[in-house]
Amino acid sequence: MSPARGRWLPLYQWVAGLCDAGTGVLLVFAPAWTFRLMGLAILPQPVAFVRFVGVFVLCVGLSYLGAVAAWPRVPRYEGQWRAQWSITALIRTAVALLLIWQIAAGAMESGWIGVVLTDAAFAIIQWVGLSRGWLRFAE
């Protein structure tokens, strides 16, 4: 692993983790305010469903934070890092594709495009990183 990669990978994990964990907490405790903050006018009903999604988003964020909490990385944790990136990249890809479909079908407001762009960006970074071996740990 290059020294530059060693510096930005923990930063990436913190940014991705705090972004999702923060959003998840806000969706659980202040769903209407969070939707307004996101520029969305329609709060899905029942609100309990939004909170359920918030717990899921929070847990995705915690997976990033849990991985970076074990920093410095050591070879025995490489598989765990790869699994965390693979699973969250899959989730982010699926969310982005679902939202694109639902926005195009008129079932969701166009304001959801921000979530599409964020999840797609994180997913692309992780798919590229996985394919290029960014998570290989030095012995």
N, C-alpha and C. Protein backbone atom coordinates (compact mmCIF):
# COMPACT_ATOMS: atom_id res chain seq x y z
N MET A 1 0.85 -1.17 0.00
CA MET A 1 0.00 0.00 0.00
C MET A 1 0.89 1.23 0.00
N SER A 2 0.54 2.20 -0.83
CA SER A 2 1.33 3.42 -0.90
C SER A 2 1.07 4.28 0.33
N PRO A 3 2.06 5.12 0.72
CA PRO A 3 1.85 6.00 1.88
C PRO A 3 0.66 6.95 1.69
N ALA A 4 0.45 7.44 0.47
CA ALA A 4 -0.68 8.34 0.23
C ALA A 4 -2.00 7.62 0.49
N ARG A 5 -2.11 6.40 0.01
CA ARG A 5 -3.33 5.62 0.21
C ARG A 5 -3.55 5.37 1.70
N GLY A 6 -2.46 5.13 2.42
CA GLY A 6 -2.56 4.91 3.85
C GLY A 6 -3.09 6.10 4.60
N ARG A 7 -2.92 7.29 4.04
CA ARG A 7 -3.42 8.51 4.69
C ARG A 7 -4.88 8.77 4.36
N TRP A 8 -5.30 8.51 3.12
CA TRP A 8 -6.67 8.88 2.76
C TRP A 8 -7.69 7.79 3.05
N LEU A 9 -7.28 6.55 3.15
CA LEU A 9 -8.26 5.49 3.44
C LEU A 9 -8.97 5.70 4.79
N PRO A 10 -8.24 6.03 5.86
CA PRO A 10 -8.96 6.27 7.11
C PRO A 10 -9.88 7.50 7.00
N LEU A 11 -9.43 8.52 6.31
CA LEU A 11 -10.26 9.71 6.12
C LEU A 11 -11.53 9.35 5.35
N TYR A 12 -11.39 8.55 4.31
CA TYR A 12 -12.55 8.10 3.54
C TYR A 12 -13.52 7.35 4.45
N GLN A 13 -13.00 6.43 5.27
CA GLN A 13 -13.86 5.66 6.17
C GLN A 13 -14.61 6.58 7.14
N TRP A 14 -13.90 7.58 7.69
CA TRP A 14 -14.54 8.52 8.62
C TRP A 14 -15.63 9.31 7.91
N VAL A 15 -15.34 9.83 6.72
CA VAL A 15 -16.33 10.63 5.99
C VAL A 15 -17.56 9.80 5.66
N ALA A 16 -17.34 8.64 5.06
CA ALA A 16 -18.47 7.77 4.69
C ALA A 16 -19.25 7.35 5.93
N GLY A 17 -18.55 6.97 6.98
CA GLY A 17 -19.21 6.51 8.19
C GLY A 17 -20.00 7.60 8.89
N LEU A 18 -19.40 8.77 9.03
CA LEU A 18 -20.10 9.87 9.70
C LEU A 18 -21.28 10.38 8.88
N CYS A 19 -21.13 10.38 7.55
CA CYS A 19 -22.21 10.79 6.66
C CYS A 19 -23.43 9.90 6.87
N ASP A 20 -23.24 8.60 6.82
CA ASP A 20 -24.36 7.67 6.97
C ASP A 20 -24.84 7.58 8.42
N ALA A 21 -23.93 7.50 9.36
CA ALA A 21 -24.35 7.39 10.76
C ALA A 21 -25.12 8.64 11.17
N GLY A 22 -24.64 9.80 10.77
CA GLY A 22 -25.33 11.05 11.09
C GLY A 22 -26.71 11.12 10.47
N THR A 23 -26.79 10.75 9.20
CA THR A 23 -28.09 10.75 8.51
C THR A 23 -29.03 9.76 9.18
N GLY A 24 -28.52 8.59 9.53
CA GLY A 24 -29.35 7.58 10.18
C GLY A 24 -29.91 8.07 11.50
N VAL A 25 -29.08 8.68 12.33
CA VAL A 25 -29.53 9.21 13.62
C VAL A 25 -30.61 10.26 13.39
N LEU A 26 -30.38 11.15 12.43
CA LEU A 26 -31.37 12.20 12.14
C LEU A 26 -32.68 11.61 11.64
N LEU A 27 -32.61 10.58 10.81
CA LEU A 27 -33.84 9.95 10.32
C LEU A 27 -34.62 9.27 11.44
N VAL A 28 -33.92 8.75 12.43
CA VAL A 28 -34.58 8.10 13.55
C VAL A 28 -35.24 9.13 14.47
N PHE A 29 -34.52 10.18 14.83
CA PHE A 29 -34.99 11.10 15.86
C PHE A 29 -35.67 12.37 15.34
N ALA A 30 -35.42 12.74 14.09
CA ALA A 30 -36.03 13.96 13.54
C ALA A 30 -36.31 13.77 12.05
N PRO A 31 -37.17 12.81 11.69
CA PRO A 31 -37.37 12.49 10.27
C PRO A 31 -37.90 13.65 9.44
N ALA A 32 -38.88 14.39 9.94
CA ALA A 32 -39.44 15.49 9.15
C ALA A 32 -38.40 16.57 8.91
N TRP A 33 -37.66 16.93 9.94
CA TRP A 33 -36.61 17.95 9.81
C TRP A 33 -35.53 17.48 8.83
N THR A 34 -35.16 16.20 8.93
CA THR A 34 -34.12 15.65 8.05
C THR A 34 -34.57 15.70 6.59
N PHE A 35 -35.81 15.35 6.33
CA PHE A 35 -36.32 15.40 4.96
C PHE A 35 -36.30 16.84 4.43
N ARG A 36 -36.68 17.80 5.26
CA ARG A 36 -36.62 19.21 4.83
C ARG A 36 -35.18 19.61 4.55
N LEU A 37 -34.25 19.18 5.41
CA LEU A 37 -32.83 19.47 5.24
C LEU A 37 -32.32 18.90 3.91
N MET A 38 -32.84 17.75 3.52
CA MET A 38 -32.46 17.09 2.26
C MET A 38 -33.18 17.70 1.06
N GLY A 39 -34.08 18.67 1.30
CA GLY A 39 -34.81 19.30 0.22
C GLY A 39 -35.98 18.47 -0.28
N LEU A 40 -36.48 17.59 0.55
CA LEU A 40 -37.59 16.72 0.18
C LEU A 40 -38.87 17.21 0.83
N ALA A 41 -39.93 17.24 0.07
CA ALA A 41 -41.21 17.76 0.56
C ALA A 41 -42.12 16.67 1.11
N ILE A 42 -41.97 15.46 0.63
CA ILE A 42 -42.89 14.38 1.00
C ILE A 42 -42.23 13.46 2.01
N LEU A 43 -42.79 13.42 3.21
CA LEU A 43 -42.32 12.50 4.25
C LEU A 43 -43.16 11.23 4.16
N PRO A 44 -42.53 10.10 3.83
CA PRO A 44 -43.30 8.86 3.71
C PRO A 44 -44.03 8.53 5.01
N GLN A 45 -45.17 7.92 4.85
CA GLN A 45 -45.99 7.51 5.99
C GLN A 45 -46.12 6.00 5.99
N PRO A 46 -46.12 5.35 7.10
CA PRO A 46 -45.99 5.91 8.43
C PRO A 46 -44.55 6.34 8.70
N VAL A 47 -44.38 7.30 9.60
CA VAL A 47 -43.06 7.83 9.95
C VAL A 47 -42.19 6.72 10.53
N ALA A 48 -42.80 5.73 11.15
CA ALA A 48 -42.03 4.61 11.70
C ALA A 48 -41.21 3.93 10.60
N PHE A 49 -41.72 3.92 9.38
CA PHE A 49 -40.96 3.33 8.27
C PHE A 49 -39.69 4.14 7.99
N VAL A 50 -39.78 5.45 8.05
CA VAL A 50 -38.61 6.31 7.85
C VAL A 50 -37.59 6.03 8.95
N ARG A 51 -38.06 5.85 10.16
CA ARG A 51 -37.15 5.54 11.26
C ARG A 51 -36.48 4.18 11.06
N PHE A 52 -37.23 3.21 10.54
CA PHE A 52 -36.67 1.90 10.23
C PHE A 52 -35.53 2.03 9.21
N VAL A 53 -35.76 2.80 8.16
CA VAL A 53 -34.72 3.06 7.17
C VAL A 53 -33.54 3.78 7.83
N GLY A 54 -33.84 4.69 8.75
CA GLY A 54 -32.79 5.41 9.47
C GLY A 54 -31.88 4.48 10.24
N VAL A 55 -32.44 3.47 10.87
CA VAL A 55 -31.62 2.49 11.60
C VAL A 55 -30.70 1.75 10.63
N PHE A 56 -31.23 1.39 9.47
CA PHE A 56 -30.42 0.71 8.46
C PHE A 56 -29.27 1.62 8.01
N VAL A 57 -29.56 2.88 7.70
CA VAL A 57 -28.54 3.84 7.26
C VAL A 57 -27.51 4.03 8.38
N LEU A 58 -27.96 4.14 9.61
CA LEU A 58 -27.06 4.27 10.76
C LEU A 58 -26.11 3.08 10.83
N CYS A 59 -26.62 1.87 10.65
CA CYS A 59 -25.78 0.67 10.73
C CYS A 59 -24.77 0.60 9.60
N VAL A 60 -25.14 1.05 8.42
CA VAL A 60 -24.17 1.12 7.32
C VAL A 60 -23.04 2.06 7.73
N GLY A 61 -23.39 3.21 8.27
CA GLY A 61 -22.37 4.16 8.73
C GLY A 61 -21.49 3.57 9.82
N LEU A 62 -22.10 2.86 10.76
CA LEU A 62 -21.32 2.26 11.84
C LEU A 62 -20.36 1.19 11.32
N SER A 63 -20.70 0.55 10.21
CA SER A 63 -19.78 -0.45 9.65
C SER A 63 -18.48 0.21 9.18
N TYR A 64 -18.59 1.41 8.61
CA TYR A 64 -17.38 2.15 8.22
C TYR A 64 -16.58 2.56 9.45
N LEU A 65 -17.29 3.07 10.46
CA LEU A 65 -16.61 3.56 11.66
C LEU A 65 -15.99 2.41 12.44
N GLY A 66 -16.64 1.26 12.44
CA GLY A 66 -16.07 0.10 13.12
C GLY A 66 -14.79 -0.37 12.46
N ALA A 67 -14.76 -0.33 11.13
CA ALA A 67 -13.55 -0.75 10.42
C ALA A 67 -12.39 0.20 10.69
N VAL A 68 -12.65 1.48 10.67
CA VAL A 68 -11.57 2.45 10.87
C VAL A 68 -11.13 2.50 12.33
N ALA A 69 -11.99 2.10 13.25
CA ALA A 69 -11.63 2.10 14.67
C ALA A 69 -10.49 1.13 14.94
N ALA A 70 -10.32 0.12 14.09
CA ALA A 70 -9.25 -0.86 14.27
C ALA A 70 -7.93 -0.38 13.66
N TRP A 71 -7.89 0.86 13.17
CA TRP A 71 -6.67 1.41 12.58
C TRP A 71 -5.58 1.42 13.64
N PRO A 72 -4.31 1.11 13.38
CA PRO A 72 -3.77 0.83 12.06
C PRO A 72 -4.18 -0.56 11.58
N ARG A 73 -4.30 -0.64 10.28
CA ARG A 73 -4.72 -1.91 9.68
C ARG A 73 -3.58 -2.91 9.73
N VAL A 74 -3.95 -4.13 9.91
CA VAL A 74 -2.97 -5.21 9.93
C VAL A 74 -3.48 -6.31 9.00
N PRO A 75 -2.57 -7.14 8.48
CA PRO A 75 -2.98 -8.15 7.50
C PRO A 75 -4.14 -9.04 7.94
N ARG A 76 -4.23 -9.36 9.21
CA ARG A 76 -5.30 -10.28 9.62
C ARG A 76 -6.70 -9.66 9.49
N TYR A 77 -6.80 -8.34 9.36
CA TYR A 77 -8.09 -7.67 9.21
C TYR A 77 -8.43 -7.33 7.76
N GLU A 78 -7.55 -7.67 6.82
CA GLU A 78 -7.79 -7.31 5.43
C GLU A 78 -9.11 -7.88 4.91
N GLY A 79 -9.40 -9.12 5.24
CA GLY A 79 -10.65 -9.74 4.79
C GLY A 79 -11.87 -9.01 5.33
N GLN A 80 -11.80 -8.53 6.56
CA GLN A 80 -12.91 -7.79 7.14
C GLN A 80 -13.11 -6.46 6.42
N TRP A 81 -12.02 -5.77 6.11
CA TRP A 81 -12.12 -4.51 5.37
C TRP A 81 -12.72 -4.77 3.99
N ARG A 82 -12.24 -5.81 3.32
CA ARG A 82 -12.77 -6.12 1.98
C ARG A 82 -14.26 -6.46 2.06
N ALA A 83 -14.66 -7.20 3.07
CA ALA A 83 -16.08 -7.55 3.23
C ALA A 83 -16.90 -6.29 3.48
N GLN A 84 -16.42 -5.41 4.33
CA GLN A 84 -17.15 -4.18 4.63
C GLN A 84 -17.30 -3.33 3.37
N TRP A 85 -16.24 -3.19 2.60
CA TRP A 85 -16.33 -2.40 1.35
C TRP A 85 -17.23 -3.09 0.34
N SER A 86 -17.14 -4.41 0.21
CA SER A 86 -17.97 -5.13 -0.76
C SER A 86 -19.44 -5.01 -0.43
N ILE A 87 -19.78 -5.22 0.83
CA ILE A 87 -21.19 -5.17 1.23
C ILE A 87 -21.75 -3.75 1.10
N THR A 88 -21.00 -2.76 1.57
CA THR A 88 -21.53 -1.39 1.49
C THR A 88 -21.55 -0.88 0.06
N ALA A 89 -20.61 -1.30 -0.77
CA ALA A 89 -20.66 -0.90 -2.18
C ALA A 89 -21.88 -1.51 -2.86
N LEU A 90 -22.19 -2.76 -2.53
CA LEU A 90 -23.38 -3.42 -3.08
C LEU A 90 -24.66 -2.69 -2.62
N ILE A 91 -24.73 -2.39 -1.34
CA ILE A 91 -25.90 -1.67 -0.81
C ILE A 91 -26.05 -0.32 -1.50
N ARG A 92 -24.96 0.43 -1.60
CA ARG A 92 -25.02 1.76 -2.21
C ARG A 92 -25.40 1.68 -3.69
N THR A 93 -24.89 0.69 -4.39
CA THR A 93 -25.24 0.51 -5.80
C THR A 93 -26.73 0.21 -5.93
N ALA A 94 -27.22 -0.69 -5.10
CA ALA A 94 -28.64 -1.06 -5.16
C ALA A 94 -29.53 0.13 -4.83
N VAL A 95 -29.17 0.90 -3.82
CA VAL A 95 -29.96 2.08 -3.45
C VAL A 95 -29.98 3.08 -4.59
N ALA A 96 -28.82 3.36 -5.18
CA ALA A 96 -28.75 4.33 -6.28
C ALA A 96 -29.61 3.87 -7.47
N LEU A 97 -29.52 2.59 -7.81
CA LEU A 97 -30.30 2.08 -8.95
C LEU A 97 -31.79 2.11 -8.66
N LEU A 98 -32.19 1.73 -7.45
CA LEU A 98 -33.60 1.77 -7.08
C LEU A 98 -34.13 3.19 -7.15
N LEU A 99 -33.38 4.14 -6.60
CA LEU A 99 -33.84 5.52 -6.62
C LEU A 99 -33.93 6.09 -8.03
N ILE A 100 -32.97 5.76 -8.89
CA ILE A 100 -33.04 6.21 -10.28
C ILE A 100 -34.33 5.70 -10.93
N TRP A 101 -34.62 4.43 -10.73
CA TRP A 101 -35.84 3.83 -11.27
C TRP A 101 -37.08 4.53 -10.73
N GLN A 102 -37.13 4.74 -9.42
CA GLN A 102 -38.31 5.32 -8.81
C GLN A 102 -38.49 6.80 -9.16
N ILE A 103 -37.40 7.53 -9.29
CA ILE A 103 -37.48 8.93 -9.73
C ILE A 103 -37.97 8.98 -11.17
N ALA A 104 -37.40 8.13 -12.03
CA ALA A 104 -37.81 8.09 -13.44
C ALA A 104 -39.28 7.70 -13.60
N ALA A 105 -39.76 6.83 -12.72
CA ALA A 105 -41.15 6.38 -12.78
C ALA A 105 -42.11 7.38 -12.15
N GLY A 106 -41.57 8.42 -11.53
CA GLY A 106 -42.41 9.42 -10.89
C GLY A 106 -42.91 9.02 -9.52
N ALA A 107 -42.38 7.95 -8.97
CA ALA A 107 -42.82 7.46 -7.67
C ALA A 107 -42.12 8.18 -6.51
N MET A 108 -41.00 8.82 -6.80
CA MET A 108 -40.27 9.57 -5.77
C MET A 108 -39.87 10.92 -6.34
N GLU A 109 -39.75 11.91 -5.44
CA GLU A 109 -39.41 13.26 -5.87
C GLU A 109 -38.00 13.31 -6.44
N SER A 110 -37.80 14.26 -7.32
CA SER A 110 -36.48 14.42 -7.94
C SER A 110 -35.41 14.83 -6.94
N GLY A 111 -35.80 15.34 -5.78
CA GLY A 111 -34.84 15.71 -4.74
C GLY A 111 -34.01 14.55 -4.24
N TRP A 112 -34.47 13.33 -4.49
CA TRP A 112 -33.70 12.14 -4.10
C TRP A 112 -32.43 11.98 -4.93
N ILE A 113 -32.26 12.78 -5.96
CA ILE A 113 -31.06 12.66 -6.81
C ILE A 113 -29.79 12.88 -5.99
N GLY A 114 -29.88 13.68 -4.94
CA GLY A 114 -28.71 13.88 -4.07
C GLY A 114 -28.26 12.58 -3.43
N VAL A 115 -29.21 11.76 -3.01
CA VAL A 115 -28.87 10.46 -2.43
C VAL A 115 -28.28 9.56 -3.51
N VAL A 116 -28.86 9.61 -4.70
CA VAL A 116 -28.34 8.82 -5.83
C VAL A 116 -26.87 9.16 -6.06
N LEU A 117 -26.58 10.45 -6.17
CA LEU A 117 -25.21 10.89 -6.48
C LEU A 117 -24.23 10.52 -5.36
N THR A 118 -24.66 10.69 -4.12
CA THR A 118 -23.79 10.35 -2.99
C THR A 118 -23.51 8.85 -2.95
N ASP A 119 -24.57 8.05 -3.00
CA ASP A 119 -24.36 6.60 -2.94
C ASP A 119 -23.58 6.09 -4.15
N ALA A 120 -23.88 6.62 -5.32
CA ALA A 120 -23.15 6.19 -6.52
C ALA A 120 -21.67 6.55 -6.41
N ALA A 121 -21.36 7.73 -5.90
CA ALA A 121 -19.95 8.14 -5.77
C ALA A 121 -19.21 7.23 -4.81
N PHE A 122 -19.80 6.99 -3.64
CA PHE A 122 -19.15 6.09 -2.68
C PHE A 122 -19.01 4.68 -3.25
N ALA A 123 -20.04 4.20 -3.93
CA ALA A 123 -19.98 2.84 -4.50
C ALA A 123 -18.88 2.75 -5.56
N ILE A 124 -18.79 3.74 -6.43
CA ILE A 124 -17.75 3.71 -7.48
C ILE A 124 -16.37 3.71 -6.86
N ILE A 125 -16.15 4.57 -5.87
CA ILE A 125 -14.85 4.60 -5.19
C ILE A 125 -14.51 3.21 -4.65
N GLN A 126 -15.48 2.58 -4.01
CA GLN A 126 -15.21 1.28 -3.39
C GLN A 126 -15.04 0.18 -4.42
N TRP A 127 -15.86 0.15 -5.48
CA TRP A 127 -15.68 -0.88 -6.51
C TRP A 127 -14.32 -0.74 -7.19
N VAL A 128 -13.93 0.49 -7.49
CA VAL A 128 -12.60 0.72 -8.09
C VAL A 128 -11.52 0.30 -7.11
N GLY A 129 -11.66 0.72 -5.86
CA GLY A 129 -10.65 0.36 -4.86
C GLY A 129 -10.52 -1.14 -4.67
N LEU A 130 -11.63 -1.83 -4.67
CA LEU A 130 -11.58 -3.29 -4.53
C LEU A 130 -10.89 -3.93 -5.73
N SER A 131 -11.22 -3.45 -6.92
CA SER A 131 -10.63 -4.05 -8.13
C SER A 131 -9.14 -3.74 -8.27
N ARG A 132 -8.71 -2.62 -7.70
CA ARG A 132 -7.29 -2.22 -7.81
C ARG A 132 -6.47 -2.60 -6.58
N GLY A 133 -7.08 -3.25 -5.63
CA GLY A 133 -6.33 -3.73 -4.47
C GLY A 133 -5.93 -2.64 -3.47
N TRP A 134 -6.73 -1.60 -3.38
CA TRP A 134 -6.40 -0.51 -2.44
C TRP A 134 -6.38 -0.97 -0.99
N LEU A 135 -7.04 -2.07 -0.70
CA LEU A 135 -7.12 -2.52 0.69
C LEU A 135 -6.07 -3.57 1.05
N ARG A 136 -5.15 -3.83 0.14
CA ARG A 136 -4.09 -4.79 0.48
C ARG A 136 -3.25 -4.20 1.59
N PHE A 137 -3.03 -4.98 2.60
CA PHE A 137 -2.27 -4.50 3.75
C PHE A 137 -0.82 -4.92 3.63
N ALA A 138 0.06 -4.04 4.03
CA ALA A 138 1.50 -4.36 4.03
C ALA A 138 1.78 -5.30 5.19
N GLU A 139 2.65 -6.24 4.94
CA GLU A 139 3.06 -7.17 6.00
C GLU A 139 4.03 -6.50 6.93
